[in-house]
Amino acid sequence: EITNGRRTNYIDSAKGRFTISRDNAKN
């Protein structure tokens, strides 16, 4: 998950492998 302030949180199995990001200009 990613907050509106771009703080991120991952399930343990995803840490180091997955990256969540957002582009507010593109929704």
PDB file of all heavy atoms in Angstrom:
ATOM      1  N   GLU A   1       0.838  -1.186   0.000  1.00  0.00           N
ATOM      2  CA  GLU A   1       0.000   0.000   0.000  1.00  0.00           C
ATOM      3  C   GLU A   1       0.873   1.235   0.000  1.00  0.00           C
ATOM      4  O   GLU A   1       2.037   1.200   0.441  1.00  0.00           O
ATOM      5  CB  GLU A   1      -0.942   0.009   1.202  1.00  0.00           C
ATOM      6  CG  GLU A   1      -0.259  -0.034   2.546  1.00  0.00           C
ATOM      7  CD  GLU A   1      -1.252  -0.126   3.694  1.00  0.00           C
ATOM      8  OE1 GLU A   1      -2.457   0.034   3.461  1.00  0.00           O
ATOM      9  OE2 GLU A   1      -0.817  -0.368   4.830  1.00  0.00           O
ATOM     10  N   ILE A   2       0.302   2.328  -0.504  1.00  0.00           N
ATOM     11  CA  ILE A   2       1.018   3.593  -0.555  1.00  0.00           C
ATOM     12  C   ILE A   2       0.059   4.691  -0.118  1.00  0.00           C
ATOM     13  O   ILE A   2      -1.068   4.764  -0.618  1.00  0.00           O
ATOM     14  CB  ILE A   2       1.611   3.846  -1.966  1.00  0.00           C
ATOM     15  CG1 ILE A   2       2.434   5.124  -1.981  1.00  0.00           C
ATOM     16  CG2 ILE A   2       0.541   3.844  -3.050  1.00  0.00           C
ATOM     17  CD1 ILE A   2       3.305   5.263  -3.241  1.00  0.00           C
ATOM     18  N   THR A   3       0.490   5.519   0.811  1.00  0.00           N
ATOM     19  CA  THR A   3      -0.367   6.590   1.307  1.00  0.00           C
ATOM     20  C   THR A   3      -0.354   7.771   0.350  1.00  0.00           C
ATOM     21  O   THR A   3       0.396   7.811  -0.628  1.00  0.00           O
ATOM     22  CB  THR A   3       0.112   7.058   2.693  1.00  0.00           C
ATOM     23  OG1 THR A   3       1.372   7.730   2.541  1.00  0.00           O
ATOM     24  CG2 THR A   3       0.261   5.882   3.652  1.00  0.00           C
ATOM     25  N   ASN A   4      -1.178   8.772   0.676  1.00  0.00           N
ATOM     26  CA  ASN A   4      -1.175   9.975  -0.157  1.00  0.00           C
ATOM     27  C   ASN A   4       0.146  10.721  -0.029  1.00  0.00           C
ATOM     28  O   ASN A   4       0.512  11.501  -0.905  1.00  0.00           O
ATOM     29  CB  ASN A   4      -2.355  10.872   0.172  1.00  0.00           C
ATOM     30  CG  ASN A   4      -2.402  11.272   1.639  1.00  0.00           C
ATOM     31  OD1 ASN A   4      -1.589  10.840   2.445  1.00  0.00           O
ATOM     32  ND2 ASN A   4      -3.376  12.080   2.001  1.00  0.00           N
ATOM     33  N   GLY A   5       0.887  10.467   1.046  1.00  0.00           N
ATOM     34  CA  GLY A   5       2.211  11.055   1.227  1.00  0.00           C
ATOM     35  C   GLY A   5       3.328  10.168   0.722  1.00  0.00           C
ATOM     36  O   GLY A   5       4.501  10.409   1.003  1.00  0.00           O
ATOM     37  N   ARG A   6       2.947   9.102  -0.008  1.00  0.00           N
ATOM     38  CA  ARG A   6       3.892   8.163  -0.616  1.00  0.00           C
ATOM     39  C   ARG A   6       4.641   7.312   0.403  1.00  0.00           C
ATOM     40  O   ARG A   6       5.687   6.748   0.096  1.00  0.00           O
ATOM     41  CB  ARG A   6       4.862   8.857  -1.565  1.00  0.00           C
ATOM     42  CG  ARG A   6       4.202   9.350  -2.843  1.00  0.00           C
ATOM     43  CD  ARG A   6       5.191   9.912  -3.832  1.00  0.00           C
ATOM     44  NE  ARG A   6       4.620  10.076  -5.158  1.00  0.00           N
ATOM     45  CZ  ARG A   6       3.862  11.088  -5.530  1.00  0.00           C
ATOM     46  NH1 ARG A   6       3.575  12.037  -4.669  1.00  0.00           N
ATOM     47  NH2 ARG A   6       3.377  11.147  -6.764  1.00  0.00           N
ATOM     48  N   ARG A   7       4.101   7.199   1.606  1.00  0.00           N
ATOM     49  CA  ARG A   7       4.667   6.228   2.536  1.00  0.00           C
ATOM     50  C   ARG A   7       4.188   4.854   2.117  1.00  0.00           C
ATOM     51  O   ARG A   7       3.023   4.681   1.775  1.00  0.00           O
ATOM     52  CB  ARG A   7       4.231   6.542   3.968  1.00  0.00           C
ATOM     53  CG  ARG A   7       4.920   5.675   5.014  1.00  0.00           C
ATOM     54  CD  ARG A   7       4.565   6.172   6.407  1.00  0.00           C
ATOM     55  NE  ARG A   7       3.143   6.076   6.670  1.00  0.00           N
ATOM     56  CZ  ARG A   7       2.494   6.879   7.485  1.00  0.00           C
ATOM     57  NH1 ARG A   7       3.120   7.857   8.111  1.00  0.00           N
ATOM     58  NH2 ARG A   7       1.205   6.721   7.680  1.00  0.00           N
ATOM     59  N   THR A   8       5.077   3.864   2.135  1.00  0.00           N
ATOM     60  CA  THR A   8       4.738   2.540   1.634  1.00  0.00           C
ATOM     61  C   THR A   8       4.811   1.481   2.729  1.00  0.00           C
ATOM     62  O   THR A   8       5.521   1.630   3.724  1.00  0.00           O
ATOM     63  CB  THR A   8       5.681   2.127   0.491  1.00  0.00           C
ATOM     64  OG1 THR A   8       7.034   2.144   0.966  1.00  0.00           O
ATOM     65  CG2 THR A   8       5.542   3.069  -0.679  1.00  0.00           C
ATOM     66  N   ASN A   9       4.060   0.408   2.502  1.00  0.00           N
ATOM     67  CA  ASN A   9       4.047  -0.712   3.429  1.00  0.00           C
ATOM     68  C   ASN A   9       3.884  -1.984   2.610  1.00  0.00           C
ATOM     69  O   ASN A   9       3.123  -1.999   1.626  1.00  0.00           O
ATOM     70  CB  ASN A   9       2.891  -0.581   4.423  1.00  0.00           C
ATOM     71  CG  ASN A   9       2.908  -1.655   5.475  1.00  0.00           C
ATOM     72  OD1 ASN A   9       3.949  -1.986   6.024  1.00  0.00           O
ATOM     73  ND2 ASN A   9       1.746  -2.224   5.747  1.00  0.00           N
ATOM     74  N   TYR A  10       4.600  -3.060   3.001  1.00  0.00           N
ATOM     75  CA  TYR A  10       4.597  -4.302   2.230  1.00  0.00           C
ATOM     76  C   TYR A  10       4.392  -5.500   3.141  1.00  0.00           C
ATOM     77  O   TYR A  10       4.855  -5.518   4.295  1.00  0.00           O
ATOM     78  CB  TYR A  10       5.932  -4.497   1.500  1.00  0.00           C
ATOM     79  CG  TYR A  10       6.263  -3.420   0.504  1.00  0.00           C
ATOM     80  CD1 TYR A  10       6.982  -2.293   0.879  1.00  0.00           C
ATOM     81  CD2 TYR A  10       5.852  -3.518  -0.824  1.00  0.00           C
ATOM     82  CE1 TYR A  10       7.291  -1.293  -0.034  1.00  0.00           C
ATOM     83  CE2 TYR A  10       6.151  -2.541  -1.741  1.00  0.00           C
ATOM     84  CZ  TYR A  10       6.870  -1.424  -1.345  1.00  0.00           C
ATOM     85  OH  TYR A  10       7.168  -0.443  -2.255  1.00  0.00           O
ATOM     86  N   ILE A  11       3.736  -6.517   2.605  1.00  0.00           N
ATOM     87  CA  ILE A  11       3.707  -7.795   3.278  1.00  0.00           C
ATOM     88  C   ILE A  11       5.137  -8.351   3.256  1.00  0.00           C
ATOM     89  O   ILE A  11       5.920  -8.036   2.342  1.00  0.00           O
ATOM     90  CB  ILE A  11       2.726  -8.747   2.559  1.00  0.00           C
ATOM     91  CG1 ILE A  11       2.425  -9.974   3.384  1.00  0.00           C
ATOM     92  CG2 ILE A  11       3.243  -9.126   1.188  1.00  0.00           C
ATOM     93  CD1 ILE A  11       1.311 -10.836   2.792  1.00  0.00           C
ATOM     94  N   ASP A  12       5.487  -9.146   4.259  1.00  0.00           N
ATOM     95  CA  ASP A  12       6.869  -9.613   4.387  1.00  0.00           C
ATOM     96  C   ASP A  12       7.373 -10.300   3.121  1.00  0.00           C
ATOM     97  O   ASP A  12       8.523 -10.104   2.708  1.00  0.00           O
ATOM     98  CB  ASP A  12       7.008 -10.573   5.575  1.00  0.00           C
ATOM     99  CG  ASP A  12       7.029  -9.843   6.909  1.00  0.00           C
ATOM    100  OD1 ASP A  12       7.180  -8.596   6.898  1.00  0.00           O
ATOM    101  OD2 ASP A  12       6.896 -10.499   7.952  1.00  0.00           O
ATOM    102  N   SER A  13       6.544 -11.096   2.477  1.00  0.00           N
ATOM    103  CA  SER A  13       6.986 -11.859   1.304  1.00  0.00           C
ATOM    104  C   SER A  13       7.283 -10.964   0.104  1.00  0.00           C
ATOM    105  O   SER A  13       7.928 -11.400  -0.851  1.00  0.00           O
ATOM    106  CB  SER A  13       5.938 -12.904   0.927  1.00  0.00           C
ATOM    107  OG  SER A  13       4.708 -12.278   0.614  1.00  0.00           O
ATOM    108  N   ALA A  14       6.813  -9.726   0.138  1.00  0.00           N
ATOM    109  CA  ALA A  14       7.027  -8.797  -0.968  1.00  0.00           C
ATOM    110  C   ALA A  14       8.207  -7.858  -0.740  1.00  0.00           C
ATOM    111  O   ALA A  14       8.703  -7.244  -1.699  1.00  0.00           O
ATOM    112  CB  ALA A  14       5.772  -7.975  -1.205  1.00  0.00           C
ATOM    113  N   LYS A  15       8.644  -7.750   0.480  1.00  0.00           N
ATOM    114  CA  LYS A  15       9.742  -6.824   0.800  1.00  0.00           C
ATOM    115  C   LYS A  15      11.012  -7.196   0.045  1.00  0.00           C
ATOM    116  O   LYS A  15      11.423  -8.340   0.010  1.00  0.00           O
ATOM    117  CB  LYS A  15       9.993  -6.823   2.305  1.00  0.00           C
ATOM    118  CG  LYS A  15       8.881  -6.189   3.109  1.00  0.00           C
ATOM    119  CD  LYS A  15       9.156  -6.245   4.606  1.00  0.00           C
ATOM    120  CE  LYS A  15       8.025  -5.615   5.403  1.00  0.00           C
ATOM    121  NZ  LYS A  15       8.236  -5.724   6.863  1.00  0.00           N
ATOM    122  N   GLY A  16      11.605  -6.188  -0.597  1.00  0.00           N
ATOM    123  CA  GLY A  16      12.821  -6.409  -1.365  1.00  0.00           C
ATOM    124  C   GLY A  16      12.591  -6.891  -2.775  1.00  0.00           C
ATOM    125  O   GLY A  16      13.533  -6.944  -3.573  1.00  0.00           O
ATOM    126  N   ARG A  17      11.347  -7.281  -3.093  1.00  0.00           N
ATOM    127  CA  ARG A  17      11.049  -7.768  -4.456  1.00  0.00           C
ATOM    128  C   ARG A  17      10.050  -6.877  -5.180  1.00  0.00           C
ATOM    129  O   ARG A  17      10.142  -6.701  -6.391  1.00  0.00           O
ATOM    130  CB  ARG A  17      10.490  -9.194  -4.389  1.00  0.00           C
ATOM    131  CG  ARG A  17      11.418 -10.217  -3.773  1.00  0.00           C
ATOM    132  CD  ARG A  17      10.872 -11.634  -3.961  1.00  0.00           C
ATOM    133  NE  ARG A  17       9.553 -11.802  -3.367  1.00  0.00           N
ATOM    134  CZ  ARG A  17       8.510 -12.326  -4.014  1.00  0.00           C
ATOM    135  NH1 ARG A  17       8.615 -12.700  -5.272  1.00  0.00           N
ATOM    136  NH2 ARG A  17       7.342 -12.466  -3.386  1.00  0.00           N
ATOM    137  N   PHE A  18       9.070  -6.357  -4.452  1.00  0.00           N
ATOM    138  CA  PHE A  18       8.006  -5.553  -5.057  1.00  0.00           C
ATOM    139  C   PHE A  18       8.176  -4.084  -4.655  1.00  0.00           C
ATOM    140  O   PHE A  18       8.626  -3.783  -3.540  1.00  0.00           O
ATOM    141  CB  PHE A  18       6.642  -6.019  -4.582  1.00  0.00           C
ATOM    142  CG  PHE A  18       6.247  -7.406  -5.030  1.00  0.00           C
ATOM    143  CD1 PHE A  18       7.093  -8.208  -5.779  1.00  0.00           C
ATOM    144  CD2 PHE A  18       4.990  -7.909  -4.695  1.00  0.00           C
ATOM    145  CE1 PHE A  18       6.721  -9.474  -6.187  1.00  0.00           C
ATOM    146  CE2 PHE A  18       4.601  -9.177  -5.099  1.00  0.00           C
ATOM    147  CZ  PHE A  18       5.480  -9.961  -5.839  1.00  0.00           C
ATOM    148  N   THR A  19       7.768  -3.199  -5.564  1.00  0.00           N
ATOM    149  CA  THR A  19       7.779  -1.770  -5.282  1.00  0.00           C
ATOM    150  C   THR A  19       6.475  -1.156  -5.740  1.00  0.00           C
ATOM    151  O   THR A  19       6.109  -1.279  -6.913  1.00  0.00           O
ATOM    152  CB  THR A  19       8.943  -1.068  -5.987  1.00  0.00           C
ATOM    153  OG1 THR A  19      10.183  -1.666  -5.597  1.00  0.00           O
ATOM    154  CG2 THR A  19       8.968   0.412  -5.630  1.00  0.00           C
ATOM    155  N   ILE A  20       5.788  -0.507  -4.818  1.00  0.00           N
ATOM    156  CA  ILE A  20       4.567   0.203  -5.161  1.00  0.00           C
ATOM    157  C   ILE A  20       4.898   1.680  -5.336  1.00  0.00           C
ATOM    158  O   ILE A  20       5.724   2.238  -4.603  1.00  0.00           O
ATOM    159  CB  ILE A  20       3.472   0.003  -4.081  1.00  0.00           C
ATOM    160  CG1 ILE A  20       2.133   0.567  -4.549  1.00  0.00           C
ATOM    161  CG2 ILE A  20       3.897   0.592  -2.736  1.00  0.00           C
ATOM    162  CD1 ILE A  20       0.960   0.211  -3.624  1.00  0.00           C
ATOM    163  N   SER A  21       4.261   2.294  -6.331  1.00  0.00           N
ATOM    164  CA  SER A  21       4.481   3.718  -6.579  1.00  0.00           C
ATOM    165  C   SER A  21       3.199   4.310  -7.141  1.00  0.00           C
ATOM    166  O   SER A  21       2.287   3.576  -7.525  1.00  0.00           O
ATOM    167  CB  SER A  21       5.655   3.932  -7.544  1.00  0.00           C
ATOM    168  OG  SER A  21       5.400   3.331  -8.801  1.00  0.00           O
ATOM    169  N   ARG A  22       3.153   5.627  -7.182  1.00  0.00           N
ATOM    170  CA  ARG A  22       1.966   6.291  -7.720  1.00  0.00           C
ATOM    171  C   ARG A  22       2.366   7.510  -8.514  1.00  0.00           C
ATOM    172  O   ARG A  22       3.377   8.165  -8.208  1.00  0.00           O
ATOM    173  CB  ARG A  22       1.004   6.675  -6.597  1.00  0.00           C
ATOM    174  CG  ARG A  22       1.520   7.700  -5.612  1.00  0.00           C
ATOM    175  CD  ARG A  22       0.592   7.827  -4.386  1.00  0.00           C
ATOM    176  NE  ARG A  22      -0.745   8.274  -4.774  1.00  0.00           N
ATOM    177  CZ  ARG A  22      -1.824   8.084  -4.002  1.00  0.00           C
ATOM    178  NH1 ARG A  22      -1.729   7.465  -2.849  1.00  0.00           N
ATOM    179  NH2 ARG A  22      -2.999   8.541  -4.413  1.00  0.00           N
ATOM    180  N   ASP A  23       1.553   7.812  -9.527  1.00  0.00           N
ATOM    181  CA  ASP A  23       1.712   9.021 -10.336  1.00  0.00           C
ATOM    182  C   ASP A  23       0.393   9.770 -10.242  1.00  0.00           C
ATOM    183  O   ASP A  23      -0.590   9.419 -10.916  1.00  0.00           O
ATOM    184  CB  ASP A  23       2.044   8.641 -11.779  1.00  0.00           C
ATOM    185  CG  ASP A  23       2.351   9.844 -12.650  1.00  0.00           C
ATOM    186  OD1 ASP A  23       1.883  10.958 -12.309  1.00  0.00           O
ATOM    187  OD2 ASP A  23       2.996   9.693 -13.677  1.00  0.00           O
ATOM    188  N   ASN A  24       0.352  10.782  -9.411  1.00  0.00           N
ATOM    189  CA  ASN A  24      -0.897  11.514  -9.196  1.00  0.00           C
ATOM    190  C   ASN A  24      -1.327  12.279 -10.446  1.00  0.00           C
ATOM    191  O   ASN A  24      -2.523  12.517 -10.643  1.00  0.00           O
ATOM    192  CB  ASN A  24      -0.751  12.469  -8.017  1.00  0.00           C
ATOM    193  CG  ASN A  24      -0.679  11.734  -6.690  1.00  0.00           C
ATOM    194  OD1 ASN A  24      -1.071  10.574  -6.581  1.00  0.00           O
ATOM    195  ND2 ASN A  24      -0.173  12.408  -5.667  1.00  0.00           N
ATOM    196  N   ALA A  25      -0.382  12.660 -11.281  1.00  0.00           N
ATOM    197  CA  ALA A  25      -0.731  13.363 -12.518  1.00  0.00           C
ATOM    198  C   ALA A  25      -1.487  12.451 -13.476  1.00  0.00           C
ATOM    199  O   ALA A  25      -2.288  12.919 -14.293  1.00  0.00           O
ATOM    200  CB  ALA A  25       0.522  13.912 -13.186  1.00  0.00           C
ATOM    201  N   LYS A  26      -1.230  11.144 -13.382  1.00  0.00           N
ATOM    202  CA  LYS A  26      -1.888  10.177 -14.259  1.00  0.00           C
ATOM    203  C   LYS A  26      -2.961   9.365 -13.543  1.00  0.00           C
ATOM    204  O   LYS A  26      -3.551   8.459 -14.145  1.00  0.00           O
ATOM    205  CB  LYS A  26      -0.840   9.218 -14.846  1.00  0.00           C
ATOM    206  CG  LYS A  26       0.168   9.885 -15.761  1.00  0.00           C
ATOM    207  CD  LYS A  26       1.147   8.873 -16.340  1.00  0.00           C
ATOM    208  CE  LYS A  26       2.128   9.543 -17.283  1.00  0.00           C
ATOM    209  NZ  LYS A  26       3.100   8.564 -17.852  1.00  0.00           N
ATOM    210  N   ASN A  27      -3.197   9.673 -12.258  1.00  0.00           N
ATOM    211  CA  ASN A  27      -4.189   8.915 -11.470  1.00  0.00           C
ATOM    212  C   ASN A  27      -3.922   7.417 -11.576  1.00  0.00           C
ATOM    213  O   ASN A  27      -4.856   6.611 -11.770  1.00  0.00           O
ATOM    214  CB  ASN A  27      -5.616   9.225 -11.931  1.00  0.00           C
ATOM    215  CG  ASN A  27      -6.112  10.572 -11.444  1.00  0.00           C
ATOM    216  OD1 ASN A  27      -5.360  11.350 -10.849  1.00  0.00           O
ATOM    217  ND2 ASN A  27      -7.364  10.876 -11.704  1.00  0.00           N
TER     218      ASN A  27
END
